[in-house]
PDB file of N, CA and C in Angstrom:
ATOM      1  N   UNK A   1     -54.053  34.017  67.025  1.00  0.00           N
ATOM      2  CA  UNK A   1     -53.234  34.593  65.656  1.00  0.00           C
ATOM      3  C   UNK A   1     -52.812  36.012  66.011  1.00  0.00           C
ATOM      4  N   UNK A   2     -52.490  36.534  65.711  1.00  0.00           N
ATOM      5  CA  UNK A   2     -51.775  38.323  65.612  1.00  0.00           C
ATOM      6  C   UNK A   2     -51.629  38.661  64.344  1.00  0.00           C
ATOM      7  N   UNK A   3     -51.543  40.105  64.806  1.00  0.00           N
ATOM      8  CA  UNK A   3     -51.947  41.061  63.140  1.00  0.00           C
ATOM      9  C   UNK A   3     -50.769  41.455  63.664  1.00  0.00           C
ATOM     10  N   UNK A   4     -49.975  42.547  62.692  1.00  0.00           N
ATOM     11  CA  UNK A   4     -49.313  43.747  62.601  1.00  0.00           C
ATOM     12  C   UNK A   4     -49.935  44.982  62.723  1.00  0.00           C
ATOM     13  N   UNK A   5     -49.754  46.013  63.413  1.00  0.00           N
ATOM     14  CA  UNK A   5     -50.380  47.684  62.623  1.00  0.00           C
ATOM     15  C   UNK A   5     -49.855  48.406  62.117  1.00  0.00           C
ATOM     16  N   UNK A   6     -49.822  49.276  61.221  1.00  0.00           N
ATOM     17  CA  UNK A   6     -48.951  50.422  61.415  1.00  0.00           C
ATOM     18  C   UNK A   6     -49.318  51.319  60.792  1.00  0.00           C
ATOM     19  N   UNK A   7     -49.326  52.807  61.405  1.00  0.00           N
ATOM     20  CA  UNK A   7     -49.960  53.846  61.798  1.00  0.00           C
ATOM     21  C   UNK A   7     -48.908  54.449  60.557  1.00  0.00           C
ATOM     22  N   UNK A   8     -49.062  55.618  59.453  1.00  0.00           N
ATOM     23  CA  UNK A   8     -48.617  56.851  60.154  1.00  0.00           C
ATOM     24  C   UNK A   8     -49.073  58.022  59.589  1.00  0.00           C
ATOM     25  N   UNK A   9     -48.105  58.892  59.532  1.00  0.00           N
ATOM     26  CA  UNK A   9     -48.623  60.524  59.294  1.00  0.00           C
ATOM     27  C   UNK A   9     -48.587  61.317  59.754  1.00  0.00           C
ATOM     28  N   UNK A  10     -48.872  62.819  59.562  1.00  0.00           N
ATOM     29  CA  UNK A  10     -48.062  63.530  60.708  1.00  0.00           C
ATOM     30  C   UNK A  10     -49.092  63.707  61.519  1.00  0.00           C
ATOM     31  N   UNK A  11     -47.575  64.360  62.641  1.00  0.00           N
ATOM     32  CA  UNK A  11     -47.775  63.859  64.278  1.00  0.00           C
ATOM     33  C   UNK A  11     -49.050  64.743  64.310  1.00  0.00           C
ATOM     34  N   UNK A  12     -49.541  64.363  65.331  1.00  0.00           N
ATOM     35  CA  UNK A  12     -50.802  65.445  65.862  1.00  0.00           C
ATOM     36  C   UNK A  12     -51.860  64.916  67.810  1.00  0.00           C
ATOM     37  N   UNK A  13     -51.877  65.586  68.078  1.00  0.00           N
ATOM     38  CA  UNK A  13     -52.131  64.363  69.594  1.00  0.00           C
ATOM     39  C   UNK A  13     -53.401  63.480  69.511  1.00  0.00           C
ATOM     40  N   UNK A  14     -53.040  62.639  69.781  1.00  0.00           N
ATOM     41  CA  UNK A  14     -54.429  61.638  70.021  1.00  0.00           C
ATOM     42  C   UNK A  14     -54.404  60.121  68.865  1.00  0.00           C
ATOM     43  N   UNK A  15     -52.349  59.699  68.251  1.00  0.00           N
ATOM     44  CA  UNK A  15     -52.785  59.260  67.510  1.00  0.00           C
ATOM     45  C   UNK A  15     -52.814  57.494  68.373  1.00  0.00           C
ATOM     46  N   UNK A  16     -51.947  57.594  69.184  1.00  0.00           N
ATOM     47  CA  UNK A  16     -51.578  56.184  69.759  1.00  0.00           C
ATOM     48  C   UNK A  16     -53.031  56.394  70.534  1.00  0.00           C
ATOM     49  N   UNK A  17     -54.168  56.708  71.252  1.00  0.00           N
ATOM     50  CA  UNK A  17     -55.629  57.019  71.177  1.00  0.00           C
ATOM     51  C   UNK A  17     -55.987  56.707  70.695  1.00  0.00           C
ATOM     52  N   UNK A  18     -56.586  56.819  69.245  1.00  0.00           N
ATOM     53  CA  UNK A  18     -56.706  56.649  68.556  1.00  0.00           C
ATOM     54  C   UNK A  18     -57.242  55.366  67.804  1.00  0.00           C
ATOM     55  N   UNK A  19     -55.707  54.774  68.033  1.00  0.00           N
ATOM     56  CA  UNK A  19     -55.687  53.380  67.678  1.00  0.00           C
ATOM     57  C   UNK A  19     -56.118  52.326  68.700  1.00  0.00           C
ATOM     58  N   UNK A  20     -55.277  52.866  69.850  1.00  0.00           N
ATOM     59  CA  UNK A  20     -55.347  51.368  70.269  1.00  0.00           C
ATOM     60  C   UNK A  20     -57.071  51.407  71.326  1.00  0.00           C
ATOM     61  N   UNK A  21     -57.761  52.622  70.884  1.00  0.00           N
ATOM     62  CA  UNK A  21     -59.224  52.698  71.190  1.00  0.00           C
ATOM     63  C   UNK A  21     -59.885  51.804  70.158  1.00  0.00           C
ATOM     64  N   UNK A  22     -58.952  51.611  68.561  1.00  0.00           N
ATOM     65  CA  UNK A  22     -60.611  50.726  67.291  1.00  0.00           C
ATOM     66  C   UNK A  22     -59.638  49.497  68.295  1.00  0.00           C
ATOM     67  N   UNK A  23     -58.589  49.321  68.828  1.00  0.00           N
ATOM     68  CA  UNK A  23     -58.431  48.031  69.244  1.00  0.00           C
ATOM     69  C   UNK A  23     -59.684  47.710  69.889  1.00  0.00           C
ATOM     70  N   UNK A  24     -59.522  47.972  70.666  1.00  0.00           N
ATOM     71  CA  UNK A  24     -60.311  47.520  72.102  1.00  0.00           C
ATOM     72  C   UNK A  24     -62.034  47.504  71.436  1.00  0.00           C
ATOM     73  N   UNK A  25     -62.386  48.718  71.101  1.00  0.00           N
ATOM     74  CA  UNK A  25     -63.735  48.200  70.342  1.00  0.00           C
ATOM     75  C   UNK A  25     -63.892  46.789  69.518  1.00  0.00           C
ATOM     76  N   UNK A  26     -62.651  46.473  69.384  1.00  0.00           N
ATOM     77  CA  UNK A  26     -63.408  45.316  68.247  1.00  0.00           C
ATOM     78  C   UNK A  26     -62.614  44.383  68.762  1.00  0.00           C
ATOM     79  N   UNK A  27     -61.737  43.617  70.083  1.00  0.00           N
ATOM     80  CA  UNK A  27     -61.812  43.562  70.942  1.00  0.00           C
ATOM     81  C   UNK A  27     -59.513  42.389  70.285  1.00  0.00           C
ATOM     82  N   UNK A  28     -59.615  43.753  70.412  1.00  0.00           N
ATOM     83  CA  UNK A  28     -57.843  43.307  69.526  1.00  0.00           C
ATOM     84  C   UNK A  28     -56.893  44.003  70.610  1.00  0.00           C
ATOM     85  N   UNK A  29     -56.091  43.295  71.716  1.00  0.00           N
ATOM     86  CA  UNK A  29     -55.000  43.258  72.892  1.00  0.00           C
ATOM     87  C   UNK A  29     -53.882  43.835  71.594  1.00  0.00           C
ATOM     88  N   UNK A  30     -53.967  44.652  72.391  1.00  0.00           N
ATOM     89  CA  UNK A  30     -51.826  45.419  72.160  1.00  0.00           C
ATOM     90  C   UNK A  30     -51.153  44.327  73.015  1.00  0.00           C
ATOM     91  N   UNK A  31     -50.415  44.039  71.652  1.00  0.00           N
ATOM     92  CA  UNK A  31     -49.336  43.436  72.843  1.00  0.00           C
ATOM     93  C   UNK A  31     -47.685  43.755  72.204  1.00  0.00           C
ATOM     94  N   UNK A  32     -47.265  45.316  71.770  1.00  0.00           N
ATOM     95  CA  UNK A  32     -46.491  45.215  71.429  1.00  0.00           C
ATOM     96  C   UNK A  32     -46.940  46.571  70.830  1.00  0.00           C
ATOM     97  N   UNK A  33     -45.885  47.692  71.416  1.00  0.00           N
ATOM     98  CA  UNK A  33     -45.629  49.049  70.835  1.00  0.00           C
ATOM     99  C   UNK A  33     -44.679  49.361  70.029  1.00  0.00           C
ATOM    100  N   UNK A  34     -44.512  50.359  69.167  1.00  0.00           N
ATOM    101  CA  UNK A  34     -43.402  51.391  69.200  1.00  0.00           C
ATOM    102  C   UNK A  34     -43.483  51.924  67.911  1.00  0.00           C
ATOM    103  N   UNK A  35     -43.437  53.408  68.433  1.00  0.00           N
ATOM    104  CA  UNK A  35     -43.681  54.385  67.976  1.00  0.00           C
ATOM    105  C   UNK A  35     -42.393  55.247  68.200  1.00  0.00           C
ATOM    106  N   UNK A  36     -42.095  56.171  67.024  1.00  0.00           N
ATOM    107  CA  UNK A  36     -40.990  57.489  66.990  1.00  0.00           C
ATOM    108  C   UNK A  36     -42.380  58.615  66.057  1.00  0.00           C
ATOM    109  N   UNK A  37     -41.624  59.856  66.568  1.00  0.00           N
ATOM    110  CA  UNK A  37     -41.776  61.323  65.559  1.00  0.00           C
ATOM    111  C   UNK A  37     -40.952  61.161  64.973  1.00  0.00           C
ATOM    112  N   UNK A  38     -40.715  61.633  63.879  1.00  0.00           N
ATOM    113  CA  UNK A  38     -39.772  61.971  63.113  1.00  0.00           C
ATOM    114  C   UNK A  38     -39.818  62.878  62.378  1.00  0.00           C
ATOM    115  N   UNK A  39     -39.555  64.351  62.957  1.00  0.00           N
ATOM    116  CA  UNK A  39     -39.482  65.602  62.449  1.00  0.00           C
ATOM    117  C   UNK A  39     -41.372  65.627  62.633  1.00  0.00           C
ATOM    118  N   UNK A  40     -41.949  65.921  61.233  1.00  0.00           N
ATOM    119  CA  UNK A  40     -43.614  66.292  61.745  1.00  0.00           C
ATOM    120  C   UNK A  40     -43.860  65.322  61.652  1.00  0.00           C
ATOM    121  N   UNK A  41     -43.635  64.359  61.503  1.00  0.00           N
ATOM    122  CA  UNK A  41     -43.854  62.323  60.599  1.00  0.00           C
ATOM    123  C   UNK A  41     -43.656  61.548  62.131  1.00  0.00           C
ATOM    124  N   UNK A  42     -44.952  60.763  62.372  1.00  0.00           N
ATOM    125  CA  UNK A  42     -45.789  59.962  63.295  1.00  0.00           C
ATOM    126  C   UNK A  42     -45.306  58.535  62.582  1.00  0.00           C
ATOM    127  N   UNK A  43     -44.963  57.170  63.317  1.00  0.00           N
ATOM    128  CA  UNK A  43     -44.718  56.090  62.904  1.00  0.00           C
ATOM    129  C   UNK A  43     -44.907  54.797  63.599  1.00  0.00           C
ATOM    130  N   UNK A  44     -46.131  54.340  63.541  1.00  0.00           N
ATOM    131  CA  UNK A  44     -45.994  53.472  64.670  1.00  0.00           C
ATOM    132  C   UNK A  44     -46.576  52.042  63.689  1.00  0.00           C
ATOM    133  N   UNK A  45     -45.591  50.958  65.069  1.00  0.00           N
ATOM    134  CA  UNK A  45     -46.083  49.492  64.671  1.00  0.00           C
ATOM    135  C   UNK A  45     -46.615  48.770  65.692  1.00  0.00           C
ATOM    136  N   UNK A  46     -47.859  48.403  66.159  1.00  0.00           N
ATOM    137  CA  UNK A  46     -48.414  47.507  67.050  1.00  0.00           C
ATOM    138  C   UNK A  46     -48.048  46.227  66.753  1.00  0.00           C
ATOM    139  N   UNK A  47     -48.144  45.386  67.439  1.00  0.00           N
ATOM    140  CA  UNK A  47     -48.613  43.911  67.518  1.00  0.00           C
ATOM    141  C   UNK A  47     -49.715  43.484  68.950  1.00  0.00           C
ATOM    142  N   UNK A  48     -51.037  43.142  67.184  1.00  0.00           N
ATOM    143  CA  UNK A  48     -52.100  43.006  68.768  1.00  0.00           C
ATOM    144  C   UNK A  48     -52.573  41.328  68.233  1.00  0.00           C
ATOM    145  N   UNK A  49     -53.054  40.596  69.204  1.00  0.00           N
ATOM    146  CA  UNK A  49     -53.168  40.011  70.029  1.00  0.00           C
ATOM    147  C   UNK A  49     -54.507  39.215  69.454  1.00  0.00           C
ATOM    148  N   UNK A  50     -55.050  39.039  68.075  1.00  0.00           N
ATOM    149  CA  UNK A  50     -56.905  38.336  67.830  1.00  0.00           C
ATOM    150  C   UNK A  50     -57.620  37.906  68.020  1.00  0.00           C
ATOM    151  N   UNK A  51     -57.650  37.045  69.261  1.00  0.00           N
ATOM    152  CA  UNK A  51     -57.931  35.934  69.978  1.00  0.00           C
ATOM    153  C   UNK A  51     -59.674  36.026  70.159  1.00  0.00           C
ATOM    154  N   UNK A  52     -59.560  38.052  70.302  1.00  0.00           N
ATOM    155  CA  UNK A  52     -60.974  38.464  71.006  1.00  0.00           C
ATOM    156  C   UNK A  52     -61.616  39.081  70.205  1.00  0.00           C
ATOM    157  N   UNK A  53     -61.358  39.003  69.120  1.00  0.00           N
ATOM    158  CA  UNK A  53     -61.816  39.768  68.123  1.00  0.00           C
ATOM    159  C   UNK A  53     -63.730  39.235  67.745  1.00  0.00           C
ATOM    160  N   UNK A  54     -63.907  40.627  67.774  1.00  0.00           N
ATOM    161  CA  UNK A  54     -65.550  40.502  67.590  1.00  0.00           C
ATOM    162  C   UNK A  54     -66.153  40.580  66.471  1.00  0.00           C
ATOM    163  N   UNK A  55     -65.527  40.216  66.036  1.00  0.00           N
ATOM    164  CA  UNK A  55     -66.086  40.137  64.059  1.00  0.00           C
ATOM    165  C   UNK A  55     -64.928  39.705  63.296  1.00  0.00           C
ATOM    166  N   UNK A  56     -65.124  39.332  61.988  1.00  0.00           N
ATOM    167  CA  UNK A  56     -63.726  39.013  61.373  1.00  0.00           C
ATOM    168  C   UNK A  56     -62.645  39.919  60.841  1.00  0.00           C
ATOM    169  N   UNK A  57     -61.860  38.967  60.435  1.00  0.00           N
ATOM    170  CA  UNK A  57     -59.995  39.968  60.124  1.00  0.00           C
ATOM    171  C   UNK A  57     -60.793  40.498  59.190  1.00  0.00           C
ATOM    172  N   UNK A  58     -61.031  40.244  58.225  1.00  0.00           N
ATOM    173  CA  UNK A  58     -61.571  41.490  57.065  1.00  0.00           C
ATOM    174  C   UNK A  58     -61.617  42.842  56.969  1.00  0.00           C
ATOM    175  N   UNK A  59     -63.160  42.624  58.251  1.00  0.00           N
ATOM    176  CA  UNK A  59     -64.220  43.440  58.891  1.00  0.00           C
ATOM    177  C   UNK A  59     -62.642  44.504  59.752  1.00  0.00           C
ATOM    178  N   UNK A  60     -62.312  44.018  60.344  1.00  0.00           N
ATOM    179  CA  UNK A  60     -61.310  44.493  61.425  1.00  0.00           C
ATOM    180  C   UNK A  60     -60.479  45.427  60.563  1.00  0.00           C
ATOM    181  N   UNK A  61     -60.022  44.466  60.105  1.00  0.00           N
ATOM    182  CA  UNK A  61     -58.666  45.712  58.960  1.00  0.00           C
ATOM    183  C   UNK A  61     -59.580  46.768  58.424  1.00  0.00           C
ATOM    184  N   UNK A  62     -60.789  46.810  57.656  1.00  0.00           N
ATOM    185  CA  UNK A  62     -61.315  47.524  56.968  1.00  0.00           C
ATOM    186  C   UNK A  62     -61.381  48.921  57.581  1.00  0.00           C
ATOM    187  N   UNK A  63     -62.479  48.201  58.540  1.00  0.00           N
ATOM    188  CA  UNK A  63     -62.693  49.245  59.575  1.00  0.00           C
ATOM    189  C   UNK A  63     -62.190  50.303  60.135  1.00  0.00           C
ATOM    190  N   UNK A  64     -60.464  49.551  60.961  1.00  0.00           N
ATOM    191  CA  UNK A  64     -58.950  50.211  61.387  1.00  0.00           C
ATOM    192  C   UNK A  64     -59.060  51.311  60.431  1.00  0.00           C
ATOM    193  N   UNK A  65     -58.741  50.834  58.936  1.00  0.00           N
ATOM    194  CA  UNK A  65     -58.291  51.675  58.012  1.00  0.00           C
ATOM    195  C   UNK A  65     -59.391  52.637  57.821  1.00  0.00           C
ATOM    196  N   UNK A  66     -60.589  52.244  57.873  1.00  0.00           N
ATOM    197  CA  UNK A  66     -61.342  53.671  57.229  1.00  0.00           C
ATOM    198  C   UNK A  66     -60.923  54.533  58.643  1.00  0.00           C
ATOM    199  N   UNK A  67     -61.384  54.138  59.985  1.00  0.00           N
ATOM    200  CA  UNK A  67     -60.661  55.303  61.066  1.00  0.00           C
ATOM    201  C   UNK A  67     -59.686  56.189  60.604  1.00  0.00           C
ATOM    202  N   UNK A  68     -58.620  55.184  60.190  1.00  0.00           N
ATOM    203  CA  UNK A  68     -57.776  56.541  59.725  1.00  0.00           C
ATOM    204  C   UNK A  68     -58.006  57.690  58.936  1.00  0.00           C
ATOM    205  N   UNK A  69     -58.642  56.934  58.067  1.00  0.00           N
ATOM    206  CA  UNK A  69     -58.296  57.450  56.767  1.00  0.00           C
ATOM    207  C   UNK A  69     -59.383  58.895  57.415  1.00  0.00           C
ATOM    208  N   UNK A  70     -60.360  58.245  58.099  1.00  0.00           N
ATOM    209  CA  UNK A  70     -60.722  59.602  58.538  1.00  0.00           C
ATOM    210  C   UNK A  70     -60.019  60.892  59.846  1.00  0.00           C
ATOM    211  N   UNK A  71     -59.408  59.722  60.483  1.00  0.00           N
ATOM    212  CA  UNK A  71     -58.979  61.352  61.076  1.00  0.00           C
ATOM    213  C   UNK A  71     -57.404  61.567  60.462  1.00  0.00           C
ATOM    214  N   UNK A  72     -57.013  61.437  59.566  1.00  0.00           N
ATOM    215  CA  UNK A  72     -55.880  61.932  58.786  1.00  0.00           C
ATOM    216  C   UNK A  72     -54.908  61.318  58.602  1.00  0.00           C
ATOM    217  N   UNK A  73     -55.028  59.881  59.520  1.00  0.00           N
ATOM    218  CA  UNK A  73     -53.425  59.281  59.138  1.00  0.00           C
ATOM    219  C   UNK A  73     -54.129  58.021  58.812  1.00  0.00           C
ATOM    220  N   UNK A  74     -52.610  56.858  58.107  1.00  0.00           N
ATOM    221  CA  UNK A  74     -52.641  55.606  57.189  1.00  0.00           C
ATOM    222  C   UNK A  74     -52.619  54.836  58.595  1.00  0.00           C
ATOM    223  N   UNK A  75     -53.245  53.692  59.040  1.00  0.00           N
ATOM    224  CA  UNK A  75     -53.330  52.829  59.405  1.00  0.00           C
ATOM    225  C   UNK A  75     -53.114  51.246  58.372  1.00  0.00           C
ATOM    226  N   UNK A  76     -52.585  50.517  58.464  1.00  0.00           N
ATOM    227  CA  UNK A  76     -52.899  49.064  58.236  1.00  0.00           C
ATOM    228  C   UNK A  76     -52.460  47.822  59.053  1.00  0.00           C
ATOM    229  N   UNK A  77     -53.961  47.348  58.830  1.00  0.00           N
ATOM    230  CA  UNK A  77     -53.233  45.728  59.409  1.00  0.00           C
ATOM    231  C   UNK A  77     -53.125  44.752  58.572  1.00  0.00           C
ATOM    232  N   UNK A  78     -52.117  44.146  59.220  1.00  0.00           N
ATOM    233  CA  UNK A  78     -51.600  42.555  57.920  1.00  0.00           C
ATOM    234  C   UNK A  78     -51.705  41.613  59.150  1.00  0.00           C
ATOM    235  N   UNK A  79     -52.314  40.288  58.584  1.00  0.00           N
ATOM    236  CA  UNK A  79     -52.423  39.465  59.678  1.00  0.00           C
ATOM    237  C   UNK A  79     -50.786  38.830  59.462  1.00  0.00           C
ATOM    238  N   UNK A  80     -50.735  37.868  61.110  1.00  0.00           N
ATOM    239  CA  UNK A  80     -49.685  37.087  60.983  1.00  0.00           C
ATOM    240  C   UNK A  80     -48.931  36.075  59.594  1.00  0.00           C
ATOM    241  N   UNK A  81     -49.850  35.772  59.080  1.00  0.00           N
ATOM    242  CA  UNK A  81     -49.547  34.793  58.178  1.00  0.00           C
ATOM    243  C   UNK A  81     -49.483  35.488  56.609  1.00  0.00           C
ATOM    244  N   UNK A  82     -49.071  36.829  56.349  1.00  0.00           N
ATOM    245  CA  UNK A  82     -48.526  36.796  55.386  1.00  0.00           C
ATOM    246  C   UNK A  82     -47.003  36.786  55.694  1.00  0.00           C
ATOM    247  N   UNK A  83     -46.725  37.187  56.869  1.00  0.00           N
ATOM    248  CA  UNK A  83     -45.008  37.060  57.622  1.00  0.00           C
ATOM    249  C   UNK A  83     -44.770  36.295  57.183  1.00  0.00           C
ATOM    250  N   UNK A  84     -45.710  34.854  57.959  1.00  0.00           N
ATOM    251  CA  UNK A  84     -45.799  33.027  58.143  1.00  0.00           C
ATOM    252  C   UNK A  84     -45.012  32.331  56.572  1.00  0.00           C
ATOM    253  N   UNK A  85     -45.980  33.651  55.753  1.00  0.00           N
ATOM    254  CA  UNK A  85     -45.542  32.649  54.624  1.00  0.00           C
ATOM    255  C   UNK A  85     -44.524  32.918  53.913  1.00  0.00           C
ATOM    256  N   UNK A  86     -44.117  34.066  54.175  1.00  0.00           N
ATOM    257  CA  UNK A  86     -42.343  34.622  53.517  1.00  0.00           C
ATOM    258  C   UNK A  86     -41.774  33.193  54.179  1.00  0.00           C
ATOM    259  N   UNK A  87     -41.788  32.955  55.048  1.00  0.00           N
ATOM    260  CA  UNK A  87     -40.360  32.218  55.443  1.00  0.00           C
ATOM    261  C   UNK A  87     -40.794  30.690  54.391  1.00  0.00           C
ATOM    262  N   UNK A  88     -42.014  30.781  53.873  1.00  0.00           N
ATOM    263  CA  UNK A  88     -41.603  29.361  53.335  1.00  0.00           C
ATOM    264  C   UNK A  88     -40.956  29.239  51.943  1.00  0.00           C
ATOM    265  N   UNK A  89     -40.797  30.410  51.170  1.00  0.00           N
ATOM    266  CA  UNK A  89     -40.822  30.683  49.783  1.00  0.00           C
ATOM    267  C   UNK A  89     -39.519  30.183  49.559  1.00  0.00           C
TER     268      UNK A  89
END
């Protein structure tokens, strides 16, 4: 199973480190990453593998989103099932 993580906010040092550390903490392995800075705004998309997740998906998504809020960035986690179900419509 995989998930897509998006991170947006004002650019500052350590956003990638923060997000990757949270992924490692919960056992989500980063498979691919794309990031850009547009003027002073940071945007990143990560694809993570969930097979090693140390908690259930909802807890992971909630914890990583809370960490983002505490650090001034918006972090969202979307399970791959969301995207797979769109193809069935």
